[in-house]
Amino acid sequence: MPPPLKTAAHALGFAAMAASLAGHVAVVFCLFRPWDEVAAVTVFPIWIWAALGIGVAVAGRLLTKSRLFWIPVFVWLLTVAIGADERRSLARGFSPTLHAWSKPPPPDGAAGTVLRIATINSKERNIDAVREVARFNPDVIFVQEAPAIGPLRTLATELWGESGSAAGAWHCAVLADGQLTTRPRASGMVQHGTGAMLTLADGREVELMSLHLEHATTRWDLWAPSCWREHRDKHRVRKTQLATLIGQLETTAAGRPAVFGGDFNAPPTSNLFDTVPASYQNAFGTAGKGLGNTFINGFPVLRIDHLYAGPGTRVLDARAARTEHSDHRMVIADVWIVSH
């Protein structure tokens, strides 16, 4: 290679390594100070940004033959090891321990009831996607993009016999083994949430809500200001929807145990979840094992489907599971309804 070209290649290579480090600083700044304006960054998991950063650093290595490329590579890998959402659940166990044949009792022989609660986006009202949850023997199913109420009621009867019931349809729905009392929907939230009160066999009551927040923007053209604005605006819409739905849930719950969940169209790195009161536990984030990502089903890179359990409950176990009839994986959790 002629000396001028070699000099240019070296300069470009070292610039690539510096750009990788600068990108790391920018991404970490956005993830740990997640303003609405940086939703275009926080909508993607840290390991995607790490893969891009490492790729740029490796390109710098090819141009320079310098071992300095290990600096940005190490920094990115360390950040993934510390900050990746997947790390936490895999640290608890590589394989899920929630299985169809074993629903845990309340811990230490305590009183109360353990409900197995699942959430599934049925993809354009496909009842077969909802039926797939049956293999985990659920007590409650939250459905998004739900079928009509007729097929849902039929499925509830298939699953639980005469005690099965369904509330809501077409957008969000709740199915349960027990009596459901449908709650009025908040103004403007008809497409985004369905609430219902479940009366257990012992007479206790649990407030439930299935929700589906505004679809996320999937644009990657980050060089375009309109991309950043679109991500920000959609993100703010989801925050408003979530705040409204949680407010309705807490009002109707009136001190009863409450569980809500569904398709949030946002990963855990988003500041959307700052809207959720600290008294609610993210089921998979608290007790999940294995890989919890739910979208897309065949190659899940994002955990955008969530279950939250509020005061008067405790999450015992959780997992995500592949589906055949949806583009989302389902999330299942065993939730102990503490006896008072």
Protein backbone atom coordinates (compact mmCIF):
# COMPACT_ATOMS: atom_id res chain seq x y z
CA MET A 1 0.00 0.00 0.00
CA PRO A 2 1.45 3.41 -0.95
CA PRO A 3 2.51 5.47 2.10
CA PRO A 4 -0.19 8.17 1.60
CA LEU A 5 -2.92 5.53 1.47
CA LYS A 6 -1.46 3.73 4.47
CA THR A 7 -1.41 6.96 6.45
CA ALA A 8 -5.02 7.68 5.49
CA ALA A 9 -6.05 4.14 6.42
CA HIS A 10 -4.38 4.44 9.82
CA ALA A 11 -6.05 7.79 10.47
CA LEU A 12 -9.44 6.37 9.48
CA GLY A 13 -8.90 3.28 11.62
CA PHE A 14 -8.00 5.21 14.75
CA ALA A 15 -10.94 7.53 14.08
CA ALA A 16 -13.20 4.46 13.97
CA MET A 17 -11.93 3.31 17.37
CA ALA A 18 -12.46 6.79 18.79
CA ALA A 19 -15.95 6.87 17.28
CA SER A 20 -16.75 3.53 18.94
CA LEU A 21 -15.75 4.94 22.34
CA ALA A 22 -17.66 8.17 21.72
CA GLY A 23 -20.71 6.14 20.73
CA HIS A 24 -20.40 4.18 23.96
CA VAL A 25 -20.42 7.36 26.04
CA ALA A 26 -23.47 8.66 24.15
CA VAL A 27 -25.45 5.42 24.45
CA VAL A 28 -24.70 4.95 28.15
CA PHE A 29 -25.63 8.57 28.81
CA CYS A 30 -28.98 8.01 27.08
CA LEU A 31 -29.68 4.71 28.86
CA PHE A 32 -28.92 5.95 32.35
CA ARG A 33 -30.55 9.36 31.86
CA PRO A 34 -33.48 8.25 29.72
CA TRP A 35 -35.19 11.44 28.68
CA ASP A 36 -38.14 11.26 26.30
CA GLU A 37 -35.99 12.94 23.66
CA VAL A 38 -33.66 9.91 23.48
CA ALA A 39 -36.39 7.30 23.02
CA ALA A 40 -34.81 6.50 19.64
CA VAL A 41 -31.86 5.09 21.60
CA THR A 42 -33.59 3.49 24.59
CA VAL A 43 -36.09 1.58 22.44
CA PHE A 44 -33.25 -0.79 21.49
CA PRO A 45 -31.38 -3.07 23.93
CA ILE A 46 -27.82 -2.24 24.94
CA TRP A 47 -26.37 -5.27 23.20
CA ILE A 48 -27.53 -4.03 19.79
CA TRP A 49 -25.61 -0.82 20.31
CA ALA A 50 -22.68 -2.87 21.60
CA ALA A 51 -22.66 -4.98 18.46
CA LEU A 52 -22.52 -1.84 16.32
CA GLY A 53 -19.79 -0.31 18.48
CA ILE A 54 -17.68 -3.46 18.42
CA GLY A 55 -18.12 -3.71 14.66
CA VAL A 56 -16.77 -0.18 14.22
CA ALA A 57 -13.83 -0.98 16.51
CA VAL A 58 -13.03 -4.15 14.56
CA ALA A 59 -13.09 -2.13 11.34
CA GLY A 60 -10.53 0.17 12.96
CA ARG A 61 -8.38 -2.86 13.79
CA LEU A 62 -8.46 -4.03 10.16
CA LEU A 63 -7.27 -0.63 8.99
CA THR A 64 -4.56 -0.10 11.60
CA LYS A 65 -3.53 -3.58 12.82
CA SER A 66 -3.42 -1.91 16.24
CA ARG A 67 -4.30 -3.78 19.42
CA LEU A 68 -5.82 -0.59 20.76
CA PHE A 69 -9.11 -1.78 19.29
CA TRP A 70 -9.43 -4.01 22.37
CA ILE A 71 -10.11 -0.92 24.47
CA PRO A 72 -13.52 -0.08 22.94
CA VAL A 73 -14.32 -3.80 22.58
CA PHE A 74 -13.66 -4.40 26.28
CA VAL A 75 -15.62 -1.30 27.30
CA TRP A 76 -18.64 -2.39 25.25
CA LEU A 77 -18.51 -5.96 26.55
CA LEU A 78 -18.26 -4.77 30.15
CA THR A 79 -21.24 -2.49 29.64
CA VAL A 80 -23.33 -5.35 28.25
CA ALA A 81 -22.29 -7.59 31.16
CA ILE A 82 -23.43 -4.93 33.63
CA GLY A 83 -26.38 -3.35 31.89
CA ALA A 84 -28.07 -5.91 29.64
CA ASP A 85 -31.57 -6.83 30.77
CA GLU A 86 -30.97 -10.46 29.76
CA ARG A 87 -28.07 -10.75 32.24
CA ARG A 88 -30.33 -10.53 35.29
CA SER A 89 -32.67 -13.37 34.39
CA LEU A 90 -29.87 -15.60 33.08
CA ALA A 91 -28.01 -15.06 36.36
CA ARG A 92 -31.03 -16.56 38.16
CA GLY A 93 -30.98 -19.58 35.83
CA PHE A 94 -30.47 -20.40 32.17
CA SER A 95 -33.60 -22.55 32.03
CA PRO A 96 -37.09 -21.56 33.20
CA THR A 97 -38.37 -23.36 36.30
CA LEU A 98 -42.03 -22.48 35.73
CA HIS A 99 -43.59 -25.56 34.13
CA ALA A 100 -47.10 -26.61 33.23
CA TRP A 101 -47.13 -29.51 35.68
CA SER A 102 -45.94 -27.68 38.80
CA LYS A 103 -47.67 -24.65 40.24
CA PRO A 104 -45.95 -23.71 43.51
CA PRO A 105 -47.86 -23.44 46.79
CA PRO A 106 -47.62 -20.31 48.93
CA PRO A 107 -44.11 -20.16 50.43
CA ASP A 108 -43.38 -21.71 53.83
CA GLY A 109 -46.91 -23.03 54.17
CA ALA A 110 -48.37 -19.52 54.36
CA ALA A 111 -52.01 -18.78 53.63
CA GLY A 112 -53.21 -17.31 50.37
CA THR A 113 -53.69 -18.34 46.74
CA VAL A 114 -51.18 -18.68 43.91
CA LEU A 115 -52.55 -17.54 40.57
CA ARG A 116 -50.81 -18.41 37.33
CA ILE A 117 -51.19 -15.34 35.14
CA ALA A 118 -50.21 -15.11 31.47
CA THR A 119 -50.19 -12.39 28.82
CA ILE A 120 -50.23 -12.89 25.06
CA ASN A 121 -50.60 -10.65 22.02
CA SER A 122 -52.75 -12.88 19.85
CA LYS A 123 -51.71 -11.17 16.58
CA GLU A 124 -54.74 -9.93 14.71
CA ARG A 125 -57.31 -11.68 16.91
CA ASN A 126 -56.09 -15.22 16.42
CA ILE A 127 -57.92 -17.36 18.98
CA ASP A 128 -55.40 -20.17 18.46
CA ALA A 129 -52.67 -17.91 19.86
CA VAL A 130 -54.72 -17.49 23.05
CA ARG A 131 -55.42 -21.22 23.17
CA GLU A 132 -51.67 -21.92 23.24
CA VAL A 133 -51.50 -20.53 26.78
CA ALA A 134 -53.59 -23.50 27.95
CA ARG A 135 -50.52 -25.73 28.06
CA PHE A 136 -49.31 -23.82 31.12
CA ASN A 137 -52.56 -24.31 33.06
CA PRO A 138 -53.21 -20.60 33.65
CA ASP A 139 -55.76 -19.10 36.02
CA VAL A 140 -55.79 -15.71 34.28
CA ILE A 141 -54.95 -14.70 30.69
CA PHE A 142 -54.42 -11.14 29.49
CA VAL A 143 -54.98 -10.83 25.73
CA GLN A 144 -54.03 -8.05 23.33
CA GLU A 145 -55.33 -7.75 19.74
CA ALA A 146 -58.08 -9.90 21.20
CA PRO A 147 -60.70 -11.90 19.27
CA ALA A 148 -64.42 -11.22 19.62
CA ILE A 149 -66.09 -11.92 22.96
CA GLY A 150 -67.91 -15.01 21.67
CA PRO A 151 -64.78 -17.07 20.89
CA LEU A 152 -63.16 -15.81 24.10
CA ARG A 153 -66.07 -17.02 26.23
CA THR A 154 -66.05 -20.35 24.43
CA LEU A 155 -62.32 -20.71 25.12
CA ALA A 156 -62.81 -19.77 28.78
CA THR A 157 -65.36 -22.57 29.07
CA GLU A 158 -62.97 -25.00 27.34
CA LEU A 159 -60.24 -24.12 29.82
CA TRP A 160 -62.16 -23.93 33.09
CA GLY A 161 -65.67 -25.24 32.54
CA GLU A 162 -68.60 -23.36 34.04
CA SER A 163 -66.30 -21.24 36.21
CA GLY A 164 -64.55 -19.72 33.18
CA SER A 165 -65.35 -16.15 32.18
CA ALA A 166 -64.13 -13.41 29.82
CA ALA A 167 -64.22 -9.61 29.79
CA GLY A 168 -63.44 -7.22 26.95
CA ALA A 169 -62.80 -7.99 23.28
CA TRP A 170 -61.29 -6.79 19.99
CA HIS A 171 -58.51 -4.79 21.61
CA CYS A 172 -57.74 -6.03 25.13
CA ALA A 173 -59.39 -8.83 27.08
CA VAL A 174 -59.15 -10.77 30.35
CA LEU A 175 -59.98 -14.46 30.70
CA ALA A 176 -60.08 -16.14 34.11
CA ASP A 177 -61.10 -19.12 36.15
CA GLY A 178 -63.71 -17.36 38.27
CA GLN A 179 -66.23 -14.58 38.12
CA LEU A 180 -65.08 -11.44 36.31
CA THR A 181 -66.75 -8.06 36.82
CA THR A 182 -65.88 -5.76 33.91
CA ARG A 183 -64.73 -2.28 34.79
CA PRO A 184 -65.67 0.84 32.81
CA ARG A 185 -62.91 1.90 30.44
CA ALA A 186 -61.17 5.21 30.93
CA SER A 187 -61.99 7.94 28.44
CA GLY A 188 -59.95 7.51 25.27
CA MET A 189 -58.56 4.15 26.41
CA VAL A 190 -61.06 1.81 24.72
CA GLN A 191 -58.35 0.41 22.43
CA HIS A 192 -55.65 0.28 25.08
CA GLY A 193 -56.95 -1.34 28.24
CA THR A 194 -59.61 -3.60 29.75
CA GLY A 195 -60.03 -3.87 33.50
CA ALA A 196 -61.93 -6.51 35.44
CA MET A 197 -62.29 -7.66 39.04
CA LEU A 198 -61.80 -11.37 39.67
CA THR A 199 -63.69 -12.95 42.56
CA LEU A 200 -61.84 -16.01 43.85
CA ALA A 201 -63.51 -19.15 45.16
CA ASP A 202 -62.90 -18.04 48.76
CA GLY A 203 -64.59 -14.70 48.10
CA ARG A 204 -61.46 -12.55 47.93
CA GLU A 205 -61.15 -10.12 45.03
CA VAL A 206 -58.25 -9.26 42.72
CA GLU A 207 -58.17 -6.31 40.35
CA LEU A 208 -56.88 -7.15 36.85
CA MET A 209 -56.06 -5.16 33.73
CA SER A 210 -54.91 -6.16 30.24
CA LEU A 211 -53.32 -3.32 28.29
CA HIS A 212 -51.84 -2.62 24.87
CA LEU A 213 -49.98 0.67 24.53
CA GLU A 214 -49.35 2.66 21.36
CA HIS A 215 -47.23 0.93 18.75
CA ALA A 216 -43.56 1.90 18.78
CA THR A 217 -41.71 3.51 15.91
CA THR A 218 -39.16 1.17 14.33
CA ARG A 219 -37.21 3.71 12.28
CA TRP A 220 -33.43 3.37 12.24
CA ASP A 221 -32.60 6.52 10.25
CA LEU A 222 -31.17 8.29 13.30
CA TRP A 223 -29.51 10.89 11.08
CA ALA A 224 -32.99 12.29 10.37
CA PRO A 225 -34.42 14.71 12.99
CA SER A 226 -37.91 13.46 12.11
CA CYS A 227 -36.91 9.98 13.35
CA TRP A 228 -36.01 11.34 16.79
CA ARG A 229 -39.21 13.40 16.95
CA GLU A 230 -41.37 10.43 15.96
CA HIS A 231 -39.79 8.19 18.60
CA ARG A 232 -40.19 10.91 21.24
CA ASP A 233 -43.82 11.66 20.39
CA LYS A 234 -44.90 8.01 20.31
CA HIS A 235 -43.07 7.44 23.59
CA ARG A 236 -44.89 10.32 25.25
CA VAL A 237 -48.23 8.94 24.04
CA ARG A 238 -47.43 5.59 25.67
CA LYS A 239 -46.45 7.31 28.94
CA THR A 240 -49.76 9.18 29.02
CA GLN A 241 -51.71 6.01 28.26
CA LEU A 242 -49.92 4.04 30.97
CA ALA A 243 -50.41 6.74 33.58
CA THR A 244 -54.12 6.91 32.75
CA LEU A 245 -54.60 3.14 32.89
CA ILE A 246 -52.68 2.73 36.16
CA GLY A 247 -54.69 5.57 37.66
CA GLN A 248 -57.92 3.83 36.70
CA LEU A 249 -56.66 0.49 38.04
CA GLU A 250 -55.70 1.92 41.41
CA THR A 251 -58.99 3.79 41.70
CA THR A 252 -61.09 0.70 41.06
CA ALA A 253 -58.82 -1.58 43.11
CA ALA A 254 -59.51 0.43 46.26
CA GLY A 255 -56.90 -1.44 48.26
CA ARG A 256 -57.44 -4.88 46.73
CA PRO A 257 -54.48 -6.81 45.26
CA ALA A 258 -53.90 -5.77 41.65
CA VAL A 259 -52.11 -7.28 38.65
CA PHE A 260 -51.80 -5.74 35.21
CA GLY A 261 -49.89 -6.55 32.07
CA GLY A 262 -49.77 -6.85 28.33
CA ASP A 263 -47.95 -5.40 25.34
CA PHE A 264 -46.18 -2.18 26.40
CA ASN A 265 -44.25 -1.77 23.14
CA ALA A 266 -41.24 -0.72 25.23
CA PRO A 267 -38.23 -2.57 26.68
CA PRO A 268 -37.19 -2.25 30.35
CA THR A 269 -34.54 0.36 29.46
CA SER A 270 -37.28 2.86 28.61
CA ASN A 271 -38.21 5.54 31.14
CA LEU A 272 -41.82 4.60 30.40
CA PHE A 273 -41.62 2.34 33.44
CA ASP A 274 -40.88 5.24 35.75
CA THR A 275 -44.66 5.74 35.48
CA VAL A 276 -45.29 2.46 37.32
CA PRO A 277 -45.52 2.93 41.12
CA ALA A 278 -42.65 1.44 43.08
CA SER A 279 -45.11 -0.83 44.91
CA TYR A 280 -45.56 -2.90 41.72
CA GLN A 281 -43.10 -5.65 40.75
CA ASN A 282 -42.22 -6.49 37.17
CA ALA A 283 -42.82 -10.24 37.27
CA PHE A 284 -40.08 -11.37 34.92
CA GLY A 285 -37.66 -8.70 36.09
CA THR A 286 -38.18 -9.89 39.67
CA ALA A 287 -38.28 -13.67 39.37
CA GLY A 288 -37.92 -14.69 35.73
CA LYS A 289 -35.35 -17.23 34.58
CA GLY A 290 -34.00 -17.93 31.12
CA LEU A 291 -34.37 -15.55 28.21
CA GLY A 292 -37.29 -13.18 28.75
CA ASN A 293 -37.37 -11.40 25.40
CA THR A 294 -40.76 -11.62 23.71
CA PHE A 295 -40.50 -9.91 20.32
CA ILE A 296 -40.20 -11.11 17.70
CA ASN A 297 -41.28 -14.64 18.47
CA GLY A 298 -38.84 -16.46 16.18
CA PHE A 299 -35.80 -14.38 17.14
CA PRO A 300 -36.68 -12.37 20.26
CA VAL A 301 -34.51 -9.30 20.78
CA LEU A 302 -36.81 -7.15 22.93
CA ARG A 303 -38.74 -7.71 26.16
CA ILE A 304 -41.82 -5.58 25.46
CA ASP A 305 -44.50 -7.79 27.05
CA HIS A 306 -44.70 -7.40 30.82
CA LEU A 307 -46.68 -8.43 33.90
CA TYR A 308 -46.81 -6.28 37.04
CA ALA A 309 -48.01 -7.42 40.46
CA GLY A 310 -48.96 -4.81 43.04
CA PRO A 311 -49.41 -4.57 46.82
CA GLY A 312 -50.86 -7.66 48.43
CA THR A 313 -49.03 -9.96 46.01
CA ARG A 314 -45.65 -11.58 45.58
CA VAL A 315 -44.14 -12.96 42.36
CA LEU A 316 -42.82 -16.50 42.89
CA ASP A 317 -41.64 -17.40 39.38
CA ALA A 318 -41.89 -16.19 35.79
CA ARG A 319 -40.86 -17.08 32.27
CA ALA A 320 -41.37 -16.31 28.60
CA ALA A 321 -42.41 -19.06 26.19
CA ARG A 322 -42.38 -19.42 22.43
CA THR A 323 -45.68 -19.46 20.54
CA GLU A 324 -46.79 -20.88 17.18
CA HIS A 325 -49.60 -18.51 16.22
CA SER A 326 -48.32 -15.09 17.32
CA ASP A 327 -45.39 -12.82 16.53
CA HIS A 328 -44.95 -12.34 20.31
CA ARG A 329 -43.86 -14.81 22.96
CA MET A 330 -46.12 -15.18 25.97
CA VAL A 331 -45.13 -14.25 29.52
CA ILE A 332 -46.31 -16.41 32.43
CA ALA A 333 -45.94 -15.72 36.15
CA ASP A 334 -46.96 -17.42 39.38
CA VAL A 335 -48.29 -14.69 41.65
CA TRP A 336 -49.06 -15.32 45.32
CA ILE A 337 -52.15 -13.44 46.45
CA VAL A 338 -51.30 -12.93 50.07
CA SER A 339 -54.05 -13.75 52.53
CA HIS A 340 -55.01 -10.97 54.99
